[in-house]
Amino acid sequence: MFSRSNLKKMNSKEVKGNWKVQKGKLKQKFSTLTDNDLMFEEGKKEEMLGKLQIKLGKTKEELQKILNSL
């Protein structure tokens, strides 16, 4: 997704904008994902990623590769 150093450099508006783009790409790639699955809340990134792993049947590493390729 976003590296910590990149997140620190970006303001919250930029992060939200980039997440909207990534969210759209994820929904195109995995039609089973819903807006609820991809709801990004500050401080709950790991929880969201865990839910995505379960829903998609992917390991943490596989999911990270998918997110990095978007």
PDB file of N, CA and C in Angstrom:
ATOM      1  N   MET A   1       0.852  -1.162   0.000  1.00  0.00           N
ATOM      2  CA  MET A   1       0.000   0.000   0.000  1.00  0.00           C
ATOM      3  C   MET A   1       0.894   1.220   0.000  1.00  0.00           C
ATOM      4  N   PHE A   2       0.986   1.949   1.091  1.00  0.00           N
ATOM      5  CA  PHE A   2       1.857   3.103   1.216  1.00  0.00           C
ATOM      6  C   PHE A   2       2.930   2.786   2.234  1.00  0.00           C
ATOM      7  N   SER A   3       4.173   3.153   1.936  1.00  0.00           N
ATOM      8  CA  SER A   3       5.225   2.958   2.930  1.00  0.00           C
ATOM      9  C   SER A   3       5.077   4.032   3.999  1.00  0.00           C
ATOM     10  N   ARG A   4       5.605   3.764   5.177  1.00  0.00           N
ATOM     11  CA  ARG A   4       5.486   4.730   6.273  1.00  0.00           C
ATOM     12  C   ARG A   4       6.137   6.060   5.920  1.00  0.00           C
ATOM     13  N   SER A   5       7.293   6.002   5.260  1.00  0.00           N
ATOM     14  CA  SER A   5       7.966   7.255   4.915  1.00  0.00           C
ATOM     15  C   SER A   5       7.132   8.061   3.922  1.00  0.00           C
ATOM     16  N   ASN A   6       6.483   7.383   2.974  1.00  0.00           N
ATOM     17  CA  ASN A   6       5.621   8.094   2.030  1.00  0.00           C
ATOM     18  C   ASN A   6       4.403   8.678   2.721  1.00  0.00           C
ATOM     19  N   LEU A   7       3.835   7.945   3.668  1.00  0.00           N
ATOM     20  CA  LEU A   7       2.665   8.444   4.389  1.00  0.00           C
ATOM     21  C   LEU A   7       2.998   9.693   5.176  1.00  0.00           C
ATOM     22  N   LYS A   8       4.173   9.726   5.785  1.00  0.00           N
ATOM     23  CA  LYS A   8       4.563  10.888   6.577  1.00  0.00           C
ATOM     24  C   LYS A   8       4.720  12.119   5.701  1.00  0.00           C
ATOM     25  N   LYS A   9       5.133  11.935   4.452  1.00  0.00           N
ATOM     26  CA  LYS A   9       5.348  13.045   3.538  1.00  0.00           C
ATOM     27  C   LYS A   9       4.033  13.563   2.955  1.00  0.00           C
ATOM     28  N   MET A  10       3.011  12.736   2.963  1.00  0.00           N
ATOM     29  CA  MET A  10       1.745  13.101   2.342  1.00  0.00           C
ATOM     30  C   MET A  10       0.788  13.643   3.392  1.00  0.00           C
ATOM     31  N   ASN A  11      -0.043  14.598   3.003  1.00  0.00           N
ATOM     32  CA  ASN A  11      -1.061  15.042   3.940  1.00  0.00           C
ATOM     33  C   ASN A  11      -2.267  14.107   3.848  1.00  0.00           C
ATOM     34  N   SER A  12      -3.187  14.239   4.766  1.00  0.00           N
ATOM     35  CA  SER A  12      -4.305  13.289   4.821  1.00  0.00           C
ATOM     36  C   SER A  12      -5.175  13.361   3.572  1.00  0.00           C
ATOM     37  N   LYS A  13      -5.285  14.518   2.949  1.00  0.00           N
ATOM     38  CA  LYS A  13      -6.091  14.647   1.735  1.00  0.00           C
ATOM     39  C   LYS A  13      -5.473  13.834   0.595  1.00  0.00           C
ATOM     40  N   GLU A  14      -4.135  13.875   0.477  1.00  0.00           N
ATOM     41  CA  GLU A  14      -3.450  13.110  -0.556  1.00  0.00           C
ATOM     42  C   GLU A  14      -3.609  11.617  -0.320  1.00  0.00           C
ATOM     43  N   VAL A  15      -3.483  11.185   0.932  1.00  0.00           N
ATOM     44  CA  VAL A  15      -3.628   9.762   1.265  1.00  0.00           C
ATOM     45  C   VAL A  15      -5.023   9.296   0.903  1.00  0.00           C
ATOM     46  N   LYS A  16      -6.027  10.068   1.288  1.00  0.00           N
ATOM     47  CA  LYS A  16      -7.404   9.686   0.982  1.00  0.00           C
ATOM     48  C   LYS A  16      -7.634   9.628  -0.519  1.00  0.00           C
ATOM     49  N   GLY A  17      -7.072  10.567  -1.266  1.00  0.00           N
ATOM     50  CA  GLY A  17      -7.222  10.570  -2.715  1.00  0.00           C
ATOM     51  C   GLY A  17      -6.564   9.360  -3.348  1.00  0.00           C
ATOM     52  N   ASN A  18      -5.338   9.055  -2.924  1.00  0.00           N
ATOM     53  CA  ASN A  18      -4.636   7.888  -3.454  1.00  0.00           C
ATOM     54  C   ASN A  18      -5.347   6.602  -3.069  1.00  0.00           C
ATOM     55  N   TRP A  19      -5.893   6.539  -1.871  1.00  0.00           N
ATOM     56  CA  TRP A  19      -6.596   5.339  -1.449  1.00  0.00           C
ATOM     57  C   TRP A  19      -7.842   5.130  -2.295  1.00  0.00           C
ATOM     58  N   LYS A  20      -8.523   6.222  -2.659  1.00  0.00           N
ATOM     59  CA  LYS A  20      -9.713   6.088  -3.504  1.00  0.00           C
ATOM     60  C   LYS A  20      -9.350   5.461  -4.846  1.00  0.00           C
ATOM     61  N   VAL A  21      -8.224   5.859  -5.395  1.00  0.00           N
ATOM     62  CA  VAL A  21      -7.770   5.297  -6.673  1.00  0.00           C
ATOM     63  C   VAL A  21      -7.445   3.817  -6.494  1.00  0.00           C
ATOM     64  N   GLN A  22      -6.677   3.485  -5.448  1.00  0.00           N
ATOM     65  CA  GLN A  22      -6.315   2.083  -5.206  1.00  0.00           C
ATOM     66  C   GLN A  22      -7.549   1.239  -4.916  1.00  0.00           C
ATOM     67  N   LYS A  23      -8.465   1.791  -4.164  1.00  0.00           N
ATOM     68  CA  LYS A  23      -9.703   1.079  -3.835  1.00  0.00           C
ATOM     69  C   LYS A  23     -10.463   0.725  -5.112  1.00  0.00           C
ATOM     70  N   GLY A  24     -10.557   1.671  -6.032  1.00  0.00           N
ATOM     71  CA  GLY A  24     -11.236   1.411  -7.305  1.00  0.00           C
ATOM     72  C   GLY A  24     -10.557   0.306  -8.093  1.00  0.00           C
ATOM     73  N   LYS A  25      -9.242   0.317  -8.107  1.00  0.00           N
ATOM     74  CA  LYS A  25      -8.497  -0.716  -8.829  1.00  0.00           C
ATOM     75  C   LYS A  25      -8.685  -2.080  -8.180  1.00  0.00           C
ATOM     76  N   LEU A  26      -8.699  -2.117  -6.850  1.00  0.00           N
ATOM     77  CA  LEU A  26      -8.917  -3.390  -6.145  1.00  0.00           C
ATOM     78  C   LEU A  26     -10.308  -3.946  -6.450  1.00  0.00           C
ATOM     79  N   LYS A  27     -11.315  -3.072  -6.463  1.00  0.00           N
ATOM     80  CA  LYS A  27     -12.678  -3.521  -6.750  1.00  0.00           C
ATOM     81  C   LYS A  27     -12.803  -4.036  -8.181  1.00  0.00           C
ATOM     82  N   GLN A  28     -12.042  -3.452  -9.108  1.00  0.00           N
ATOM     83  CA  GLN A  28     -12.054  -3.948 -10.485  1.00  0.00           C
ATOM     84  C   GLN A  28     -11.401  -5.323 -10.557  1.00  0.00           C
ATOM     85  N   LYS A  29     -10.304  -5.489  -9.832  1.00  0.00           N
ATOM     86  CA  LYS A  29      -9.551  -6.741  -9.877  1.00  0.00           C
ATOM     87  C   LYS A  29     -10.265  -7.863  -9.119  1.00  0.00           C
ATOM     88  N   PHE A  30     -10.904  -7.521  -8.005  1.00  0.00           N
ATOM     89  CA  PHE A  30     -11.589  -8.510  -7.165  1.00  0.00           C
ATOM     90  C   PHE A  30     -13.040  -8.064  -6.980  1.00  0.00           C
ATOM     91  N   SER A  31     -13.905  -8.570  -7.818  1.00  0.00           N
ATOM     92  CA  SER A  31     -15.304  -8.121  -7.824  1.00  0.00           C
ATOM     93  C   SER A  31     -16.054  -8.456  -6.537  1.00  0.00           C
ATOM     94  N   THR A  32     -15.495  -9.337  -5.715  1.00  0.00           N
ATOM     95  CA  THR A  32     -16.167  -9.690  -4.459  1.00  0.00           C
ATOM     96  C   THR A  32     -15.961  -8.642  -3.371  1.00  0.00           C
ATOM     97  N   LEU A  33     -15.043  -7.712  -3.580  1.00  0.00           N
ATOM     98  CA  LEU A  33     -14.773  -6.689  -2.573  1.00  0.00           C
ATOM     99  C   LEU A  33     -15.840  -5.605  -2.611  1.00  0.00           C
ATOM    100  N   THR A  34     -16.209  -5.145  -1.434  1.00  0.00           N
ATOM    101  CA  THR A  34     -17.208  -4.086  -1.307  1.00  0.00           C
ATOM    102  C   THR A  34     -16.556  -2.836  -0.716  1.00  0.00           C
ATOM    103  N   ASP A  35     -17.297  -1.735  -0.732  1.00  0.00           N
ATOM    104  CA  ASP A  35     -16.799  -0.506  -0.101  1.00  0.00           C
ATOM    105  C   ASP A  35     -16.523  -0.739   1.377  1.00  0.00           C
ATOM    106  N   ASN A  36     -17.346  -1.547   2.014  1.00  0.00           N
ATOM    107  CA  ASN A  36     -17.144  -1.865   3.437  1.00  0.00           C
ATOM    108  C   ASN A  36     -15.815  -2.578   3.660  1.00  0.00           C
ATOM    109  N   ASP A  37     -15.470  -3.500   2.766  1.00  0.00           N
ATOM    110  CA  ASP A  37     -14.213  -4.227   2.885  1.00  0.00           C
ATOM    111  C   ASP A  37     -13.020  -3.291   2.777  1.00  0.00           C
ATOM    112  N   LEU A  38     -13.185  -2.218   2.023  1.00  0.00           N
ATOM    113  CA  LEU A  38     -12.077  -1.327   1.711  1.00  0.00           C
ATOM    114  C   LEU A  38     -12.153   0.011   2.454  1.00  0.00           C
ATOM    115  N   MET A  39     -12.932   0.047   3.528  1.00  0.00           N
ATOM    116  CA  MET A  39     -13.064   1.267   4.301  1.00  0.00           C
ATOM    117  C   MET A  39     -11.769   1.519   5.084  1.00  0.00           C
ATOM    118  N   PHE A  40     -11.102   2.623   4.767  1.00  0.00           N
ATOM    119  CA  PHE A  40      -9.831   2.971   5.389  1.00  0.00           C
ATOM    120  C   PHE A  40     -10.089   3.924   6.540  1.00  0.00           C
ATOM    121  N   GLU A  41      -9.752   3.482   7.750  1.00  0.00           N
ATOM    122  CA  GLU A  41      -9.862   4.334   8.925  1.00  0.00           C
ATOM    123  C   GLU A  41      -8.481   4.499   9.523  1.00  0.00           C
ATOM    124  N   GLU A  42      -8.168   5.732   9.900  1.00  0.00           N
ATOM    125  CA  GLU A  42      -6.860   5.980  10.500  1.00  0.00           C
ATOM    126  C   GLU A  42      -6.668   5.080  11.707  1.00  0.00           C
ATOM    127  N   GLY A  43      -5.487   4.480  11.801  1.00  0.00           N
ATOM    128  CA  GLY A  43      -5.158   3.616  12.927  1.00  0.00           C
ATOM    129  C   GLY A  43      -5.667   2.192  12.796  1.00  0.00           C
ATOM    130  N   LYS A  44      -6.401   1.890  11.736  1.00  0.00           N
ATOM    131  CA  LYS A  44      -6.973   0.551  11.575  1.00  0.00           C
ATOM    132  C   LYS A  44      -6.526  -0.116  10.278  1.00  0.00           C
ATOM    133  N   LYS A  45      -5.389   0.315   9.766  1.00  0.00           N
ATOM    134  CA  LYS A  45      -4.876  -0.233   8.517  1.00  0.00           C
ATOM    135  C   LYS A  45      -4.643  -1.735   8.629  1.00  0.00           C
ATOM    136  N   GLU A  46      -3.989  -2.177   9.691  1.00  0.00           N
ATOM    137  CA  GLU A  46      -3.682  -3.605   9.846  1.00  0.00           C
ATOM    138  C   GLU A  46      -4.949  -4.445   9.945  1.00  0.00           C
ATOM    139  N   GLU A  47      -5.952  -3.920  10.623  1.00  0.00           N
ATOM    140  CA  GLU A  47      -7.233  -4.630  10.744  1.00  0.00           C
ATOM    141  C   GLU A  47      -7.877  -4.788   9.364  1.00  0.00           C
ATOM    142  N   MET A  48      -7.864  -3.726   8.576  1.00  0.00           N
ATOM    143  CA  MET A  48      -8.440  -3.785   7.240  1.00  0.00           C
ATOM    144  C   MET A  48      -7.673  -4.774   6.366  1.00  0.00           C
ATOM    145  N   LEU A  49      -6.341  -4.740   6.436  1.00  0.00           N
ATOM    146  CA  LEU A  49      -5.535  -5.656   5.638  1.00  0.00           C
ATOM    147  C   LEU A  49      -5.796  -7.107   6.039  1.00  0.00           C
ATOM    148  N   GLY A  50      -5.969  -7.361   7.327  1.00  0.00           N
ATOM    149  CA  GLY A  50      -6.287  -8.707   7.796  1.00  0.00           C
ATOM    150  C   GLY A  50      -7.609  -9.200   7.235  1.00  0.00           C
ATOM    151  N   LYS A  51      -8.603  -8.327   7.216  1.00  0.00           N
ATOM    152  CA  LYS A  51      -9.906  -8.695   6.654  1.00  0.00           C
ATOM    153  C   LYS A  51      -9.792  -8.994   5.159  1.00  0.00           C
ATOM    154  N   LEU A  52      -8.982  -8.185   4.460  1.00  0.00           N
ATOM    155  CA  LEU A  52      -8.786  -8.426   3.029  1.00  0.00           C
ATOM    156  C   LEU A  52      -8.093  -9.758   2.782  1.00  0.00           C
ATOM    157  N   GLN A  53      -7.105 -10.079   3.611  1.00  0.00           N
ATOM    158  CA  GLN A  53      -6.412 -11.364   3.485  1.00  0.00           C
ATOM    159  C   GLN A  53      -7.400 -12.512   3.582  1.00  0.00           C
ATOM    160  N   ILE A  54      -8.259 -12.443   4.560  1.00  0.00           N
ATOM    161  CA  ILE A  54      -9.241 -13.513   4.777  1.00  0.00           C
ATOM    162  C   ILE A  54     -10.212 -13.585   3.601  1.00  0.00           C
ATOM    163  N   LYS A  55     -10.762 -12.451   3.211  1.00  0.00           N
ATOM    164  CA  LYS A  55     -11.768 -12.440   2.147  1.00  0.00           C
ATOM    165  C   LYS A  55     -11.192 -12.921   0.817  1.00  0.00           C
ATOM    166  N   LEU A  56      -9.943 -12.548   0.532  1.00  0.00           N
ATOM    167  CA  LEU A  56      -9.335 -12.927  -0.740  1.00  0.00           C
ATOM    168  C   LEU A  56      -8.562 -14.231  -0.679  1.00  0.00           C
ATOM    169  N   GLY A  57      -8.346 -14.768   0.528  1.00  0.00           N
ATOM    170  CA  GLY A  57      -7.595 -16.013   0.673  1.00  0.00           C
ATOM    171  C   GLY A  57      -6.127 -15.839   0.305  1.00  0.00           C
ATOM    172  N   LYS A  58      -5.557 -14.693   0.651  1.00  0.00           N
ATOM    173  CA  LYS A  58      -4.167 -14.380   0.315  1.00  0.00           C
ATOM    174  C   LYS A  58      -3.331 -14.256   1.588  1.00  0.00           C
ATOM    175  N   THR A  59      -2.036 -14.530   1.450  1.00  0.00           N
ATOM    176  CA  THR A  59      -1.130 -14.297   2.571  1.00  0.00           C
ATOM    177  C   THR A  59      -0.841 -12.803   2.639  1.00  0.00           C
ATOM    178  N   LYS A  60      -0.237 -12.383   3.731  1.00  0.00           N
ATOM    179  CA  LYS A  60       0.123 -10.984   3.900  1.00  0.00           C
ATOM    180  C   LYS A  60       1.061 -10.537   2.775  1.00  0.00           C
ATOM    181  N   GLU A  61       2.011 -11.400   2.432  1.00  0.00           N
ATOM    182  CA  GLU A  61       2.971 -11.083   1.372  1.00  0.00           C
ATOM    183  C   GLU A  61       2.287 -10.974   0.011  1.00  0.00           C
ATOM    184  N   GLU A  62       1.369 -11.904  -0.277  1.00  0.00           N
ATOM    185  CA  GLU A  62       0.644 -11.872  -1.550  1.00  0.00           C
ATOM    186  C   GLU A  62      -0.183 -10.588  -1.655  1.00  0.00           C
ATOM    187  N   LEU A  63      -0.856 -10.239  -0.574  1.00  0.00           N
ATOM    188  CA  LEU A  63      -1.678  -9.036  -0.568  1.00  0.00           C
ATOM    189  C   LEU A  63      -0.810  -7.797  -0.751  1.00  0.00           C
ATOM    190  N   GLN A  64       0.340  -7.767  -0.110  1.00  0.00           N
ATOM    191  CA  GLN A  64       1.247  -6.624  -0.250  1.00  0.00           C
ATOM    192  C   GLN A  64       1.720  -6.482  -1.700  1.00  0.00           C
ATOM    193  N   LYS A  65       2.024  -7.602  -2.357  1.00  0.00           N
ATOM    194  CA  LYS A  65       2.432  -7.551  -3.764  1.00  0.00           C
ATOM    195  C   LYS A  65       1.303  -6.999  -4.640  1.00  0.00           C
ATOM    196  N   ILE A  66       0.095  -7.431  -4.361  1.00  0.00           N
ATOM    197  CA  ILE A  66      -1.061  -6.938  -5.123  1.00  0.00           C
ATOM    198  C   ILE A  66      -1.183  -5.427  -4.947  1.00  0.00           C
ATOM    199  N   LEU A  67      -1.116  -4.960  -3.708  1.00  0.00           N
ATOM    200  CA  LEU A  67      -1.266  -3.540  -3.438  1.00  0.00           C
ATOM    201  C   LEU A  67      -0.131  -2.728  -4.057  1.00  0.00           C
ATOM    202  N   ASN A  68       1.063  -3.269  -4.013  1.00  0.00           N
ATOM    203  CA  ASN A  68       2.209  -2.558  -4.594  1.00  0.00           C
ATOM    204  C   ASN A  68       2.123  -2.480  -6.114  1.00  0.00           C
ATOM    205  N   SER A  69       1.425  -3.434  -6.735  1.00  0.00           N
ATOM    206  CA  SER A  69       1.321  -3.455  -8.198  1.00  0.00           C
ATOM    207  C   SER A  69       0.243  -2.508  -8.733  1.00  0.00           C
ATOM    208  N   LEU A  70      -0.569  -1.962  -7.856  1.00  0.00           N
ATOM    209  CA  LEU A  70      -1.659  -1.075  -8.321  1.00  0.00           C
ATOM    210  C   LEU A  70      -1.137   0.260  -8.788  1.00  0.00           C
TER     211      LEU A  70
END
